[in-house]
Amino acid sequence: MEITILKENETSVVVIEGRVDTVTAPELESAVKPLINMGTSVVFECEKLEYISSAGLRVVLAAHKQLTACAGKFVIRHLNREVKSVFDITGFSKILNIEE
């Protein structure tokens, strides 16, 4: 997995490439924790995300909950078909802001 963090105005964009699984999820969590603590807007750019496990979903849900609690904004962008189906099956598509 590769993570790149970009700034777009007041929004932090976390570009995620590769696989988020039990091995790499802690790395993603560590990378986004400071952004969440700032309480602004965070976008997960997932165009090159190939796979996400339950450990990765936990990181996504925690980011969503923490940002929502402090009036921040959390968006997931550009999920491929396979990863989108995981979000659909788990019900995450109904609670998260997902943009095409």
N, C-alpha and C. Protein backbone atom coordinates (compact mmCIF):
# COMPACT_ATOMS: atom_id res chain seq x y z
N MET A 1 0.84 -1.17 0.00
CA MET A 1 0.00 0.00 0.00
C MET A 1 0.89 1.24 0.00
N GLU A 2 0.43 2.23 -0.72
CA GLU A 2 1.12 3.51 -0.75
C GLU A 2 0.12 4.61 -0.41
N ILE A 3 0.54 5.53 0.47
CA ILE A 3 -0.33 6.62 0.90
C ILE A 3 0.36 7.94 0.57
N THR A 4 -0.38 8.84 -0.07
CA THR A 4 0.11 10.18 -0.34
C THR A 4 -0.93 11.15 0.20
N ILE A 5 -0.49 12.16 0.93
CA ILE A 5 -1.42 13.14 1.48
C ILE A 5 -1.20 14.48 0.77
N LEU A 6 -2.27 14.98 0.18
CA LEU A 6 -2.24 16.24 -0.55
C LEU A 6 -3.17 17.24 0.14
N LYS A 7 -2.94 18.52 -0.09
CA LYS A 7 -3.82 19.57 0.42
C LYS A 7 -4.56 20.22 -0.73
N GLU A 8 -5.88 20.29 -0.63
CA GLU A 8 -6.72 21.03 -1.59
C GLU A 8 -7.52 22.04 -0.78
N ASN A 9 -7.02 23.27 -0.74
CA ASN A 9 -7.61 24.32 0.10
C ASN A 9 -7.61 23.85 1.55
N GLU A 10 -8.77 23.74 2.17
CA GLU A 10 -8.87 23.31 3.57
C GLU A 10 -9.09 21.81 3.71
N THR A 11 -9.00 21.07 2.62
CA THR A 11 -9.26 19.64 2.62
C THR A 11 -7.97 18.85 2.48
N SER A 12 -7.84 17.82 3.30
CA SER A 12 -6.72 16.89 3.18
C SER A 12 -7.18 15.71 2.33
N VAL A 13 -6.45 15.43 1.26
CA VAL A 13 -6.77 14.32 0.37
C VAL A 13 -5.76 13.21 0.61
N VAL A 14 -6.28 12.05 1.02
CA VAL A 14 -5.44 10.89 1.29
C VAL A 14 -5.57 9.95 0.09
N VAL A 15 -4.53 9.89 -0.72
CA VAL A 15 -4.53 9.03 -1.91
C VAL A 15 -4.01 7.66 -1.47
N ILE A 16 -4.87 6.65 -1.66
CA ILE A 16 -4.54 5.29 -1.23
C ILE A 16 -4.37 4.40 -2.46
N GLU A 17 -3.22 3.76 -2.55
CA GLU A 17 -2.95 2.85 -3.67
C GLU A 17 -2.63 1.47 -3.13
N GLY A 18 -3.13 0.44 -3.81
CA GLY A 18 -2.80 -0.93 -3.43
C GLY A 18 -3.86 -1.57 -2.56
N ARG A 19 -3.41 -2.30 -1.53
CA ARG A 19 -4.30 -3.08 -0.68
C ARG A 19 -4.28 -2.56 0.75
N VAL A 20 -5.45 -2.44 1.34
CA VAL A 20 -5.56 -2.12 2.76
C VAL A 20 -6.08 -3.38 3.44
N ASP A 21 -5.20 -4.01 4.22
CA ASP A 21 -5.54 -5.26 4.89
C ASP A 21 -5.04 -5.21 6.33
N THR A 22 -5.01 -6.35 7.00
CA THR A 22 -4.61 -6.37 8.40
C THR A 22 -3.17 -5.90 8.61
N VAL A 23 -2.33 -6.07 7.61
CA VAL A 23 -0.93 -5.64 7.72
C VAL A 23 -0.79 -4.13 7.49
N THR A 24 -1.53 -3.59 6.52
CA THR A 24 -1.35 -2.19 6.13
C THR A 24 -2.34 -1.23 6.80
N ALA A 25 -3.43 -1.73 7.35
CA ALA A 25 -4.43 -0.84 7.98
C ALA A 25 -3.85 0.03 9.09
N PRO A 26 -2.96 -0.49 9.96
CA PRO A 26 -2.37 0.38 10.98
C PRO A 26 -1.58 1.55 10.39
N GLU A 27 -0.95 1.32 9.25
CA GLU A 27 -0.21 2.39 8.58
C GLU A 27 -1.17 3.49 8.10
N LEU A 28 -2.30 3.08 7.53
CA LEU A 28 -3.31 4.05 7.10
C LEU A 28 -3.85 4.81 8.29
N GLU A 29 -4.14 4.10 9.36
CA GLU A 29 -4.67 4.73 10.57
C GLU A 29 -3.69 5.77 11.11
N SER A 30 -2.42 5.44 11.16
CA SER A 30 -1.40 6.38 11.64
C SER A 30 -1.28 7.60 10.74
N ALA A 31 -1.43 7.40 9.45
CA ALA A 31 -1.30 8.51 8.50
C ALA A 31 -2.46 9.49 8.61
N VAL A 32 -3.67 8.98 8.87
CA VAL A 32 -4.84 9.87 8.88
C VAL A 32 -5.17 10.42 10.27
N LYS A 33 -4.62 9.84 11.30
CA LYS A 33 -4.94 10.29 12.66
C LYS A 33 -4.67 11.79 12.88
N PRO A 34 -3.51 12.31 12.46
CA PRO A 34 -3.28 13.76 12.64
C PRO A 34 -4.28 14.62 11.86
N LEU A 35 -4.70 14.14 10.70
CA LEU A 35 -5.67 14.89 9.89
C LEU A 35 -7.03 14.93 10.58
N ILE A 36 -7.41 13.81 11.16
CA ILE A 36 -8.70 13.72 11.86
C ILE A 36 -8.68 14.60 13.10
N ASN A 37 -7.55 14.61 13.80
CA ASN A 37 -7.43 15.43 15.01
C ASN A 37 -7.57 16.91 14.71
N MET A 38 -7.27 17.33 13.47
CA MET A 38 -7.44 18.74 13.09
C MET A 38 -8.92 19.07 12.90
N GLY A 39 -9.75 18.04 12.66
CA GLY A 39 -11.19 18.24 12.57
C GLY A 39 -11.67 18.98 11.34
N THR A 40 -10.93 18.93 10.25
CA THR A 40 -11.38 19.61 9.03
C THR A 40 -11.99 18.60 8.08
N SER A 41 -11.79 18.77 6.81
CA SER A 41 -12.33 17.86 5.80
C SER A 41 -11.24 16.89 5.34
N VAL A 42 -11.63 15.62 5.22
CA VAL A 42 -10.70 14.59 4.75
C VAL A 42 -11.38 13.82 3.62
N VAL A 43 -10.64 13.62 2.54
CA VAL A 43 -11.11 12.83 1.41
C VAL A 43 -10.17 11.64 1.25
N PHE A 44 -10.75 10.46 1.16
CA PHE A 44 -9.98 9.27 0.79
C PHE A 44 -10.14 9.10 -0.71
N GLU A 45 -9.07 9.31 -1.46
CA GLU A 45 -9.06 9.13 -2.91
C GLU A 45 -8.68 7.67 -3.18
N CYS A 46 -9.64 6.89 -3.68
CA CYS A 46 -9.47 5.44 -3.77
C CYS A 46 -9.43 4.91 -5.19
N GLU A 47 -9.11 5.76 -6.14
CA GLU A 47 -9.09 5.33 -7.54
C GLU A 47 -8.15 4.14 -7.75
N LYS A 48 -7.04 4.10 -7.02
CA LYS A 48 -6.06 3.02 -7.19
C LYS A 48 -6.07 2.04 -6.02
N LEU A 49 -7.14 2.07 -5.22
CA LEU A 49 -7.30 1.09 -4.14
C LEU A 49 -7.79 -0.21 -4.76
N GLU A 50 -7.04 -1.28 -4.57
CA GLU A 50 -7.36 -2.56 -5.20
C GLU A 50 -8.19 -3.48 -4.30
N TYR A 51 -8.02 -3.34 -2.97
CA TYR A 51 -8.65 -4.27 -2.04
C TYR A 51 -8.74 -3.61 -0.67
N ILE A 52 -9.81 -3.91 0.07
CA ILE A 52 -9.92 -3.46 1.45
C ILE A 52 -10.52 -4.58 2.29
N SER A 53 -9.88 -4.87 3.41
CA SER A 53 -10.35 -5.92 4.31
C SER A 53 -11.17 -5.29 5.44
N SER A 54 -11.64 -6.12 6.34
CA SER A 54 -12.40 -5.61 7.49
C SER A 54 -11.54 -4.68 8.35
N ALA A 55 -10.25 -4.93 8.41
CA ALA A 55 -9.36 -4.04 9.16
C ALA A 55 -9.32 -2.65 8.52
N GLY A 56 -9.30 -2.60 7.20
CA GLY A 56 -9.34 -1.33 6.50
C GLY A 56 -10.67 -0.63 6.66
N LEU A 57 -11.75 -1.41 6.63
CA LEU A 57 -13.08 -0.83 6.84
C LEU A 57 -13.20 -0.21 8.23
N ARG A 58 -12.56 -0.85 9.21
CA ARG A 58 -12.58 -0.30 10.57
C ARG A 58 -11.92 1.08 10.61
N VAL A 59 -10.81 1.25 9.90
CA VAL A 59 -10.12 2.54 9.83
C VAL A 59 -11.03 3.58 9.18
N VAL A 60 -11.70 3.20 8.11
CA VAL A 60 -12.61 4.10 7.40
C VAL A 60 -13.75 4.53 8.32
N LEU A 61 -14.35 3.57 9.00
CA LEU A 61 -15.47 3.88 9.89
C LEU A 61 -15.04 4.76 11.05
N ALA A 62 -13.88 4.49 11.62
CA ALA A 62 -13.37 5.30 12.73
C ALA A 62 -13.13 6.74 12.27
N ALA A 63 -12.54 6.90 11.08
CA ALA A 63 -12.31 8.26 10.55
C ALA A 63 -13.63 8.98 10.36
N HIS A 64 -14.61 8.30 9.80
CA HIS A 64 -15.93 8.89 9.59
C HIS A 64 -16.54 9.33 10.92
N LYS A 65 -16.54 8.47 11.90
CA LYS A 65 -17.15 8.78 13.20
C LYS A 65 -16.45 9.94 13.89
N GLN A 66 -15.13 9.93 13.89
CA GLN A 66 -14.39 10.99 14.57
C GLN A 66 -14.56 12.34 13.89
N LEU A 67 -14.54 12.36 12.57
CA LEU A 67 -14.73 13.63 11.87
C LEU A 67 -16.16 14.15 12.03
N THR A 68 -17.12 13.26 11.96
CA THR A 68 -18.51 13.67 12.13
C THR A 68 -18.74 14.24 13.53
N ALA A 69 -18.12 13.65 14.53
CA ALA A 69 -18.28 14.10 15.91
C ALA A 69 -17.75 15.51 16.13
N CYS A 70 -16.76 15.93 15.35
CA CYS A 70 -16.20 17.28 15.52
C CYS A 70 -16.57 18.19 14.35
N ALA A 71 -17.69 17.89 13.70
CA ALA A 71 -18.24 18.71 12.62
C ALA A 71 -17.33 18.79 11.40
N GLY A 72 -16.48 17.81 11.22
CA GLY A 72 -15.65 17.74 10.03
C GLY A 72 -16.41 17.04 8.92
N LYS A 73 -15.76 16.93 7.77
CA LYS A 73 -16.39 16.27 6.62
C LYS A 73 -15.49 15.14 6.15
N PHE A 74 -16.11 13.99 5.85
CA PHE A 74 -15.36 12.83 5.39
C PHE A 74 -15.99 12.31 4.10
N VAL A 75 -15.18 12.17 3.06
CA VAL A 75 -15.66 11.72 1.75
C VAL A 75 -14.75 10.62 1.24
N ILE A 76 -15.36 9.64 0.60
CA ILE A 76 -14.62 8.60 -0.10
C ILE A 76 -14.88 8.80 -1.59
N ARG A 77 -13.81 8.80 -2.38
CA ARG A 77 -13.94 9.14 -3.80
C ARG A 77 -13.38 8.03 -4.68
N HIS A 78 -14.07 7.80 -5.80
CA HIS A 78 -13.58 6.97 -6.92
C HIS A 78 -13.29 5.52 -6.55
N LEU A 79 -14.24 4.85 -5.93
CA LEU A 79 -14.08 3.42 -5.64
C LEU A 79 -14.23 2.61 -6.92
N ASN A 80 -13.37 1.62 -7.10
CA ASN A 80 -13.57 0.73 -8.24
C ASN A 80 -14.71 -0.23 -7.94
N ARG A 81 -15.14 -0.98 -8.92
CA ARG A 81 -16.33 -1.82 -8.79
C ARG A 81 -16.19 -2.86 -7.68
N GLU A 82 -15.02 -3.50 -7.58
CA GLU A 82 -14.83 -4.55 -6.58
C GLU A 82 -14.87 -3.98 -5.17
N VAL A 83 -14.16 -2.89 -4.95
CA VAL A 83 -14.14 -2.28 -3.61
C VAL A 83 -15.50 -1.68 -3.28
N LYS A 84 -16.17 -1.10 -4.27
CA LYS A 84 -17.51 -0.55 -4.04
C LYS A 84 -18.47 -1.65 -3.60
N SER A 85 -18.33 -2.84 -4.16
CA SER A 85 -19.21 -3.94 -3.76
C SER A 85 -19.00 -4.32 -2.30
N VAL A 86 -17.77 -4.22 -1.80
CA VAL A 86 -17.50 -4.47 -0.38
C VAL A 86 -18.22 -3.43 0.47
N PHE A 87 -18.17 -2.17 0.05
CA PHE A 87 -18.86 -1.11 0.79
C PHE A 87 -20.38 -1.32 0.74
N ASP A 88 -20.89 -1.79 -0.39
CA ASP A 88 -22.33 -2.06 -0.52
C ASP A 88 -22.76 -3.22 0.37
N ILE A 89 -22.03 -4.32 0.32
CA ILE A 89 -22.38 -5.52 1.09
C ILE A 89 -22.35 -5.25 2.59
N THR A 90 -21.38 -4.46 3.04
CA THR A 90 -21.25 -4.18 4.47
C THR A 90 -22.18 -3.08 4.95
N GLY A 91 -22.85 -2.40 4.04
CA GLY A 91 -23.74 -1.31 4.41
C GLY A 91 -23.05 0.04 4.56
N PHE A 92 -21.74 0.07 4.32
CA PHE A 92 -21.00 1.33 4.44
C PHE A 92 -21.47 2.36 3.41
N SER A 93 -21.94 1.91 2.27
CA SER A 93 -22.40 2.82 1.23
C SER A 93 -23.59 3.66 1.69
N LYS A 94 -24.33 3.14 2.66
CA LYS A 94 -25.50 3.86 3.16
C LYS A 94 -25.15 4.90 4.22
N ILE A 95 -24.00 4.75 4.89
CA ILE A 95 -23.66 5.68 5.97
C ILE A 95 -22.53 6.64 5.62
N LEU A 96 -21.77 6.34 4.57
CA LEU A 96 -20.64 7.18 4.18
C LEU A 96 -20.98 8.02 2.96
N ASN A 97 -20.30 9.14 2.85
CA ASN A 97 -20.43 9.99 1.67
C ASN A 97 -19.44 9.49 0.62
N ILE A 98 -19.98 8.79 -0.40
CA ILE A 98 -19.15 8.22 -1.46
C ILE A 98 -19.44 8.94 -2.76
N GLU A 99 -18.36 9.47 -3.37
CA GLU A 99 -18.50 10.17 -4.64
C GLU A 99 -17.88 9.34 -5.74
N GLU A 100 -18.50 9.40 -6.91
CA GLU A 100 -17.98 8.66 -8.08
C GLU A 100 -16.75 9.32 -8.64
